[in-house]
Protein backbone atom coordinates (compact mmCIF):
# COMPACT_ATOMS: atom_id res chain seq x y z
CA MET A 1 -38.07 22.76 56.30
CA ASN A 2 -40.15 22.03 59.43
CA LYS A 3 -39.88 19.48 61.99
CA HIS A 4 -42.11 17.04 60.65
CA ARG A 5 -40.52 17.40 57.07
CA ILE A 6 -36.90 16.96 58.57
CA ALA A 7 -38.20 13.92 60.58
CA ALA A 8 -39.82 12.40 57.66
CA ALA A 9 -36.73 12.92 55.60
CA PHE A 10 -34.51 11.36 58.37
CA ALA A 11 -36.90 8.17 58.46
CA GLY A 12 -36.56 7.82 54.82
CA LEU A 13 -32.72 7.97 54.81
CA VAL A 14 -32.77 5.34 57.72
CA THR A 15 -35.08 3.06 55.45
CA LEU A 16 -32.84 3.43 52.24
CA PHE A 17 -29.50 2.83 54.32
CA ALA A 18 -31.09 -0.37 55.80
CA ALA A 19 -32.47 -1.64 52.37
CA THR A 20 -29.21 -0.98 50.80
CA HIS A 21 -27.10 -3.11 53.41
CA ALA A 22 -29.69 -5.83 54.00
CA GLY A 23 -28.35 -7.75 51.23
CA ALA A 24 -24.59 -7.36 52.40
CA ALA A 25 -25.49 -8.33 56.11
CA ASP A 26 -27.42 -11.32 54.59
CA ILE A 27 -24.55 -12.43 52.52
CA ASP A 28 -22.03 -11.96 55.17
CA ALA A 29 -22.78 -16.05 56.10
CA PHE A 30 -20.04 -16.42 53.40
CA LYS A 31 -17.58 -13.84 54.63
CA GLY A 32 -14.07 -15.01 55.09
CA LEU A 33 -14.44 -18.55 53.45
CA SER A 34 -13.05 -19.99 50.38
CA GLY A 35 -13.68 -23.08 48.09
CA LYS A 36 -15.88 -25.07 46.09
CA LEU A 37 -19.56 -26.30 47.23
CA ASP A 38 -20.87 -29.07 45.11
CA VAL A 39 -24.55 -29.73 45.03
CA ALA A 40 -26.57 -32.33 43.08
CA GLY A 41 -30.00 -34.29 42.75
CA GLY A 42 -33.32 -32.96 42.66
CA THR A 43 -33.84 -30.88 39.74
CA ALA A 44 -36.64 -28.76 41.45
CA HIS A 45 -33.80 -27.17 43.78
CA ILE A 46 -31.52 -26.12 40.73
CA PRO A 47 -33.22 -22.47 40.19
CA VAL A 48 -32.66 -21.66 44.02
CA VAL A 49 -29.07 -22.98 44.02
CA GLN A 50 -28.34 -21.07 41.11
CA ASP A 51 -29.64 -17.72 42.35
CA VAL A 52 -27.74 -18.33 45.45
CA ALA A 53 -24.67 -18.83 43.70
CA ARG A 54 -24.85 -15.76 41.66
CA HIS A 55 -25.31 -13.63 44.71
CA VAL A 56 -22.49 -15.21 46.76
CA ALA A 57 -20.20 -15.06 43.58
CA LYS A 58 -20.60 -11.16 43.66
CA ALA A 59 -19.98 -10.69 47.35
CA ASN A 60 -17.13 -13.21 47.84
CA PRO A 61 -15.18 -14.44 44.50
CA ASN A 62 -13.41 -16.99 46.62
CA VAL A 63 -16.55 -19.13 47.02
CA ARG A 64 -18.01 -21.00 44.03
CA ILE A 65 -21.18 -22.81 44.15
CA SER A 66 -22.07 -25.87 41.60
CA VAL A 67 -25.05 -27.46 41.11
CA SER A 68 -26.74 -30.54 38.72
CA GLY A 69 -29.60 -32.52 38.45
CA GLY A 70 -30.34 -36.26 38.22
CA GLY A 71 -33.08 -36.71 40.52
CA SER A 72 -33.35 -37.33 44.28
CA GLY A 73 -32.07 -40.77 44.07
CA VAL A 74 -28.86 -39.46 42.42
CA GLY A 75 -28.55 -36.62 44.99
CA ILE A 76 -28.75 -39.27 47.77
CA GLN A 77 -26.31 -41.69 46.04
CA LYS A 78 -23.79 -38.96 45.17
CA VAL A 79 -23.80 -37.21 48.60
CA GLY A 80 -23.63 -40.63 50.49
CA ALA A 81 -20.43 -41.75 48.10
CA GLY A 82 -18.84 -38.39 49.10
CA LEU A 83 -18.81 -37.26 45.37
CA VAL A 84 -20.74 -33.87 46.11
CA ASP A 85 -21.27 -31.63 49.45
CA ILE A 86 -24.83 -31.73 49.60
CA GLY A 87 -27.46 -34.06 48.10
CA SER A 88 -30.93 -32.42 47.18
CA THR A 89 -34.24 -34.43 47.22
CA GLY A 90 -37.79 -33.40 46.93
CA ARG A 91 -38.70 -36.01 49.72
CA ALA A 92 -37.20 -36.34 53.40
CA PRO A 93 -34.68 -39.37 53.06
CA SER A 94 -35.57 -42.66 54.36
CA ALA A 95 -34.77 -43.88 57.68
CA GLU A 96 -32.53 -46.55 55.63
CA GLU A 97 -31.06 -44.15 53.63
CA VAL A 98 -30.20 -41.87 56.62
CA ALA A 99 -28.68 -45.00 58.62
CA LYS A 100 -26.60 -45.85 55.79
CA TYR A 101 -25.07 -42.68 55.10
CA ASN A 102 -25.37 -40.86 58.20
CA LEU A 103 -27.12 -38.44 56.39
CA LYS A 104 -28.24 -34.96 58.21
CA PRO A 105 -31.21 -33.44 56.34
CA PHE A 106 -32.31 -29.84 55.83
CA GLN A 107 -35.88 -28.88 54.83
CA PHE A 108 -35.76 -25.35 53.12
CA ALA A 109 -39.04 -25.31 51.42
CA LEU A 110 -42.51 -26.45 50.71
CA ASP A 111 -43.30 -27.32 46.94
CA GLY A 112 -46.60 -28.12 45.67
CA VAL A 113 -46.51 -30.68 42.45
CA ALA A 114 -48.52 -29.23 39.75
CA VAL A 115 -50.38 -30.86 37.01
CA ALA A 116 -50.15 -29.23 33.93
CA VAL A 117 -51.48 -29.37 30.40
CA HIS A 118 -50.93 -27.51 27.13
CA PRO A 119 -52.45 -23.78 27.24
CA ALA A 120 -54.81 -24.53 24.57
CA ASN A 121 -56.54 -27.67 26.43
CA PRO A 122 -59.92 -26.40 27.88
CA VAL A 123 -59.55 -28.69 30.70
CA LYS A 124 -59.53 -26.95 33.86
CA ASN A 125 -60.27 -29.17 36.93
CA LEU A 126 -59.47 -32.96 37.44
CA SER A 127 -60.34 -35.07 40.36
CA ARG A 128 -57.87 -37.06 41.79
CA VAL A 129 -59.95 -40.25 40.78
CA GLN A 130 -59.78 -38.76 37.29
CA LEU A 131 -56.02 -38.16 37.42
CA ALA A 132 -55.68 -41.70 38.32
CA ASP A 133 -57.84 -42.96 35.56
CA ILE A 134 -55.37 -40.86 33.11
CA PHE A 135 -52.30 -41.85 34.52
CA SER A 136 -53.22 -45.50 34.99
CA GLY A 137 -53.75 -45.43 31.17
CA ARG A 138 -57.62 -46.47 31.92
CA VAL A 139 -58.99 -43.46 30.14
CA ASP A 140 -56.86 -42.17 27.48
CA ASN A 141 -58.76 -39.27 25.29
CA TRP A 142 -59.53 -35.52 26.66
CA LYS A 143 -63.23 -35.75 25.28
CA THR A 144 -63.94 -37.76 28.64
CA PHE A 145 -63.19 -34.60 30.44
CA GLY A 146 -64.63 -32.05 28.37
CA GLY A 147 -61.76 -31.56 26.02
CA ALA A 148 -60.94 -32.42 22.30
CA ASP A 149 -61.76 -35.78 20.70
CA GLN A 150 -57.71 -36.35 21.24
CA ARG A 151 -55.87 -38.88 22.56
CA ILE A 152 -54.24 -38.06 26.10
CA HIS A 153 -50.33 -38.34 25.76
CA LEU A 154 -48.74 -39.01 28.93
CA TYR A 155 -45.56 -37.22 30.40
CA SER A 156 -43.92 -38.77 33.57
CA ARG A 157 -40.53 -38.57 35.27
CA ASP A 158 -37.69 -41.79 35.83
CA GLU A 159 -37.72 -43.78 38.87
CA ALA A 160 -35.17 -41.66 40.41
CA SER A 161 -37.21 -38.83 40.69
CA ALA A 162 -39.00 -37.52 44.11
CA THR A 163 -41.24 -35.49 42.12
CA ARG A 164 -42.53 -38.81 40.45
CA GLU A 165 -42.46 -40.60 43.97
CA VAL A 166 -44.59 -38.02 45.64
CA PHE A 167 -47.08 -37.72 42.60
CA VAL A 168 -47.59 -41.52 42.49
CA ASP A 169 -48.10 -42.03 46.07
CA LYS A 170 -50.70 -39.13 46.13
CA VAL A 171 -52.59 -40.25 43.17
CA LEU A 172 -52.17 -43.60 41.86
CA GLY A 173 -51.01 -45.15 45.40
CA LYS A 174 -47.79 -46.14 47.10
CA GLY A 175 -45.93 -48.95 44.82
CA GLN A 176 -47.97 -48.24 41.61
CA SER A 177 -46.53 -46.88 38.28
CA PRO A 178 -48.02 -44.73 35.59
CA ALA A 179 -49.03 -46.37 32.52
CA ALA A 180 -46.31 -47.89 30.26
CA ASN A 181 -46.97 -45.82 27.51
CA ALA A 182 -45.88 -42.68 29.12
CA THR A 183 -43.03 -40.81 27.92
CA VAL A 184 -40.24 -40.60 30.44
CA VAL A 185 -38.25 -37.32 30.67
CA ALA A 186 -35.43 -36.51 32.99
CA SER A 187 -36.29 -33.10 34.63
CA ASN A 188 -39.12 -30.72 35.67
CA GLY A 189 -37.62 -28.54 33.15
CA ALA A 190 -37.94 -31.06 30.39
CA ILE A 191 -41.31 -32.02 31.33
CA LYS A 192 -42.29 -28.56 31.03
CA THR A 193 -40.98 -28.26 27.66
CA ALA A 194 -42.38 -31.39 26.37
CA ILE A 195 -46.01 -30.40 27.33
CA ALA A 196 -45.61 -26.88 26.06
CA ARG A 197 -45.07 -28.52 22.69
CA ASP A 198 -47.81 -31.13 22.85
CA LYS A 199 -51.76 -30.42 22.60
CA GLY A 200 -52.60 -33.51 24.06
CA ALA A 201 -50.25 -33.57 26.63
CA ILE A 202 -50.47 -34.00 30.38
CA GLY A 203 -47.56 -34.23 33.16
CA TYR A 204 -46.55 -33.20 36.26
CA LEU A 205 -43.75 -30.79 37.56
CA GLY A 206 -42.89 -28.65 40.51
CA LEU A 207 -44.70 -25.57 41.29
CA GLY A 208 -41.70 -23.50 40.90
CA TYR A 209 -41.43 -24.35 37.28
CA VAL A 210 -44.94 -23.62 36.15
CA ASP A 211 -45.13 -20.41 33.72
CA ALA A 212 -47.29 -19.26 31.16
CA SER A 213 -45.82 -22.13 28.57
CA VAL A 214 -48.12 -24.73 30.39
CA LYS A 215 -51.60 -24.55 32.13
CA PRO A 216 -52.21 -25.94 35.56
CA VAL A 217 -55.02 -27.77 36.41
CA ALA A 218 -56.87 -27.36 39.36
CA ILE A 219 -57.26 -30.96 41.63
CA ASP A 220 -60.59 -31.15 43.25
CA GLY A 221 -61.25 -27.39 42.79
CA HIS A 222 -58.02 -26.33 44.26
CA ALA A 223 -55.55 -24.41 42.08
CA PRO A 224 -51.95 -25.44 42.52
CA SER A 225 -50.46 -22.26 44.26
CA GLN A 226 -48.31 -21.17 47.24
CA GLU A 227 -51.21 -20.31 49.63
CA ASN A 228 -53.00 -23.84 48.53
CA ALA A 229 -50.38 -25.75 49.05
CA LYS A 230 -49.31 -24.12 52.54
CA SER A 231 -52.99 -24.43 53.83
CA GLY A 232 -53.17 -28.39 52.52
CA ALA A 233 -56.23 -27.37 50.35
CA TYR A 234 -53.99 -28.42 47.31
CA PRO A 235 -53.22 -32.12 47.68
CA ILE A 236 -49.79 -33.24 46.16
CA VAL A 237 -47.38 -31.24 48.23
CA ARG A 238 -43.80 -32.08 49.41
CA GLY A 239 -40.69 -30.77 51.16
CA LEU A 240 -37.78 -30.01 49.47
CA TYR A 241 -34.44 -31.21 51.22
CA PHE A 242 -30.67 -30.38 51.44
CA ASN A 243 -28.72 -33.40 52.92
CA THR A 244 -25.19 -33.69 53.91
CA ARG A 245 -23.11 -36.96 54.89
CA GLY A 246 -22.77 -36.11 58.59
CA GLU A 247 -22.83 -32.47 60.05
CA PRO A 248 -22.80 -29.82 57.11
CA ASN A 249 -18.96 -28.35 56.19
CA ALA A 250 -18.17 -24.56 56.80
CA LEU A 251 -19.58 -23.81 53.09
CA ALA A 252 -22.59 -25.98 53.63
CA SER A 253 -23.63 -24.28 56.90
CA ALA A 254 -23.08 -20.75 55.56
CA PHE A 255 -25.46 -21.83 52.51
CA TYR A 256 -27.68 -22.94 55.03
CA ARG A 257 -27.66 -19.68 57.11
CA TYR A 258 -28.04 -17.79 53.82
CA LEU A 259 -31.29 -19.50 52.89
CA LYS A 260 -32.88 -18.55 56.33
CA THR A 261 -31.82 -14.52 55.79
CA GLY A 262 -34.61 -12.56 54.57
CA GLU A 263 -32.80 -12.53 50.97
CA GLY A 264 -32.37 -16.11 50.91
CA GLN A 265 -36.34 -16.60 51.57
CA SER A 266 -37.51 -14.00 49.07
CA LEU A 267 -35.21 -15.96 46.43
CA ILE A 268 -37.11 -19.31 47.62
CA ARG A 269 -40.35 -17.61 47.43
CA ALA A 270 -39.07 -16.02 43.98
CA HIS A 271 -39.11 -19.62 42.41
CA GLY A 272 -42.69 -20.63 43.48
CA TYR A 273 -41.91 -22.13 46.66
CA ILE A 274 -42.51 -21.55 50.32
CA PRO A 275 -39.58 -21.19 52.75
CA ALA A 276 -39.87 -23.75 55.44
CA PHE A 277 -38.38 -21.35 58.48
């Protein structure tokens, strides 16, 4: 074996060693810790937290991470009352919430709020004005937008949802509400399931939840993608936050450090979000 081959082989071994041990080094944020970390609130955060929980459980069985939804409002209420360690929100906490509960926000990702329809719907693009007409109830037939002669079925989120708050602010205007005939569902996952089953459906959900079961619609010619959300071309974008009451405890601090690692950022990207670090 000549010198060049030896050097190439050695370089390959170094790369393999680094790749093998990168995950272990990343998960070292939880080394020596034990206990339970409870997270609740925004449903967009759930897939990321579940993935972190699985990785941590394998590396350190003495740490357990639990996560539940309920919406951003629930996350603020629960962390404020001391019922959970971290309250997750799809928006920054308000100045009033920060003052009332001594909240310490931690933004970990950027997320687009996608508008989606049933895959059989031929409509591919809508303007914000058209979206406002649809979700206010002023227009109620897909034929107006080049679709079938079919009634539009609206799907929305409840008032505790930051996904709803961001969508309404950007499309209908602050303080407005979707039409009264909209079907209200409790989570991003539930709204995706509802749209997938209803050929007349339209709704909105976190970009990380979009898959082949629904069809995302471009807004003013801009598709809901990570690239367009990051550049600002896609207009409905929000930050994803974790919030603690006061300074984060040891497990919450380790959780934040892990999200900042290469492995943590890969998990964030894998679910369609853009790391904020």
